[in-house]
Amino acid sequence: MLVRFAYLAVTNTFAALRLLPMSGRERDAEILALRHQVGILRRQLGGKRVRFERADRAFLAARLGRLPHRTLRQLQLIMSPDTVLRWHRDLLNERHAARSRPKRPGRPRTVASIRRLVLRLARENGTWG
């Protein structure tokens, strides 16, 4: 998954760099062509759903998740804006879960003073525990 995400990031970076020397007119023509292709794809799919790989969802969520909901509604996308926002929430939740996961698995160590106290009580009370 991480390799696929890195690949998508690199290829899209090169795609963005390819846009720099383009004039505004050429860029507009490409955007219109891409929008037309998305429209064709939507018509061909009908009511069927597109299946995205996890890396694709993560990339799209990272790219589009910060946009305001109103702006997302105006974009010509294959998926709904609510889906993009859900993917973004899931991405943030996974990140938070990974950061808050304990560093060491298992039960935390007992404080040394409590350990000594329990051992002393055990020695002093032979019938205890």
Protein backbone atom coordinates (compact mmCIF):
# COMPACT_ATOMS: atom_id res chain seq x y z
CA MET A 1 0.00 0.00 0.00
CA LEU A 2 2.78 2.41 0.92
CA VAL A 3 4.66 1.66 -2.31
CA ARG A 4 1.51 2.23 -4.38
CA PHE A 5 0.85 5.52 -2.57
CA ALA A 6 4.45 6.67 -3.17
CA TYR A 7 4.13 5.73 -6.85
CA LEU A 8 0.92 7.76 -7.17
CA ALA A 9 2.52 10.73 -5.44
CA VAL A 10 5.56 10.70 -7.72
CA THR A 11 3.57 10.26 -10.94
CA ASN A 12 1.18 13.05 -9.99
CA THR A 13 4.08 15.33 -9.09
CA PHE A 14 5.52 14.79 -12.56
CA ALA A 15 2.07 15.41 -14.06
CA ALA A 16 1.87 18.70 -12.16
CA LEU A 17 5.35 19.69 -13.34
CA ARG A 18 4.24 18.98 -16.90
CA LEU A 19 1.54 21.65 -16.48
CA LEU A 20 3.98 24.44 -15.60
CA PRO A 21 5.17 25.29 -19.12
CA MET A 22 1.60 25.10 -20.50
CA SER A 23 -0.28 28.25 -21.26
CA GLY A 24 -3.61 28.91 -19.63
CA ARG A 25 -5.39 28.04 -22.86
CA GLU A 26 -3.69 24.64 -23.16
CA ARG A 27 -4.40 23.88 -19.50
CA ASP A 28 -8.07 24.80 -19.95
CA ALA A 29 -8.29 22.53 -23.00
CA GLU A 30 -6.83 19.62 -21.04
CA ILE A 31 -9.20 20.23 -18.13
CA LEU A 32 -12.19 20.27 -20.49
CA ALA A 33 -11.00 17.03 -22.13
CA LEU A 34 -10.59 15.37 -18.74
CA ARG A 35 -14.05 16.53 -17.64
CA HIS A 36 -15.52 15.13 -20.83
CA GLN A 37 -13.80 11.78 -20.18
CA VAL A 38 -15.24 11.71 -16.65
CA GLY A 39 -18.70 12.37 -18.09
CA ILE A 40 -18.29 9.50 -20.55
CA LEU A 41 -17.13 7.20 -17.77
CA ARG A 42 -20.14 8.13 -15.63
CA ARG A 43 -22.53 7.39 -18.50
CA GLN A 44 -20.91 4.02 -19.20
CA LEU A 45 -20.99 3.01 -15.55
CA GLY A 46 -24.64 3.91 -15.09
CA GLY A 47 -25.52 3.07 -11.50
CA LYS A 48 -22.51 0.78 -10.98
CA ARG A 49 -19.86 1.71 -8.46
CA VAL A 50 -16.19 2.13 -9.19
CA ARG A 51 -13.84 0.16 -6.91
CA PHE A 52 -10.80 2.14 -5.81
CA GLU A 53 -7.69 0.59 -4.34
CA ARG A 54 -6.68 1.68 -0.87
CA ALA A 55 -3.76 3.75 -2.14
CA ASP A 56 -6.03 5.51 -4.65
CA ARG A 57 -8.52 6.36 -1.90
CA ALA A 58 -5.73 7.66 0.35
CA PHE A 59 -4.27 9.79 -2.43
CA LEU A 60 -7.63 11.28 -3.45
CA ALA A 61 -8.59 11.88 0.18
CA ALA A 62 -5.30 13.67 0.87
CA ARG A 63 -5.68 15.78 -2.29
CA LEU A 64 -9.36 16.63 -2.08
CA GLY A 65 -10.19 16.24 1.61
CA ARG A 66 -9.15 19.75 2.58
CA LEU A 67 -11.37 21.43 0.00
CA PRO A 68 -14.61 22.96 1.26
CA HIS A 69 -17.73 20.86 0.71
CA ARG A 70 -19.21 23.45 -1.65
CA THR A 71 -16.12 23.33 -3.85
CA LEU A 72 -16.20 19.53 -3.90
CA ARG A 73 -19.81 19.65 -5.09
CA GLN A 74 -18.77 21.76 -8.08
CA LEU A 75 -15.99 19.40 -9.16
CA GLN A 76 -16.63 16.76 -11.80
CA LEU A 77 -15.76 13.57 -9.90
CA ILE A 78 -16.52 9.89 -10.35
CA MET A 79 -17.31 9.55 -6.64
CA SER A 80 -19.56 11.73 -4.54
CA PRO A 81 -18.09 14.54 -2.42
CA ASP A 82 -19.42 12.81 0.71
CA THR A 83 -17.37 9.73 -0.21
CA VAL A 84 -14.21 11.82 -0.54
CA LEU A 85 -14.84 13.41 2.85
CA ARG A 86 -15.46 9.98 4.42
CA TRP A 87 -12.18 8.72 2.95
CA HIS A 88 -10.45 11.78 4.42
CA ARG A 89 -11.96 11.14 7.86
CA ASP A 90 -10.89 7.48 7.67
CA LEU A 91 -7.38 8.53 6.69
CA LEU A 92 -7.14 10.88 9.67
CA ASN A 93 -8.60 8.24 12.01
CA GLU A 94 -6.02 5.67 10.84
CA ARG A 95 -3.25 8.19 11.38
CA HIS A 96 -4.50 9.02 14.87
CA ALA A 97 -4.89 5.33 15.75
CA ALA A 98 -1.34 4.59 14.61
CA ARG A 99 0.08 7.44 16.68
CA SER A 100 -1.88 6.60 19.81
CA ARG A 101 -1.11 2.87 19.68
CA PRO A 102 1.05 1.84 22.67
CA LYS A 103 4.76 1.54 21.90
CA ARG A 104 5.10 -1.68 23.91
CA PRO A 105 2.45 -4.37 23.63
CA GLY A 106 1.05 -6.02 26.73
CA ARG A 107 0.43 -4.90 30.27
CA PRO A 108 2.39 -1.87 31.51
CA ARG A 109 5.13 -2.51 34.05
CA THR A 110 4.29 -2.28 37.75
CA VAL A 111 5.89 0.56 39.66
CA ALA A 112 8.99 -0.66 41.52
CA SER A 113 7.80 0.59 44.94
CA ILE A 114 4.53 -1.32 44.62
CA ARG A 115 6.40 -4.46 43.53
CA ARG A 116 8.68 -4.25 46.61
CA LEU A 117 5.67 -3.70 48.90
CA VAL A 118 3.82 -6.75 47.54
CA LEU A 119 6.94 -8.94 47.90
CA ARG A 120 7.48 -7.70 51.49
CA LEU A 121 3.84 -8.44 52.37
CA ALA A 122 4.22 -11.91 50.90
CA ARG A 123 7.37 -12.59 52.99
CA GLU A 124 5.87 -11.26 56.21
CA ASN A 125 2.56 -13.11 55.81
CA GLY A 126 3.35 -16.73 55.01
CA THR A 127 -0.32 -17.74 54.70
CA TRP A 128 -1.18 -14.73 52.57
CA GLY A 129 -2.05 -15.14 48.88
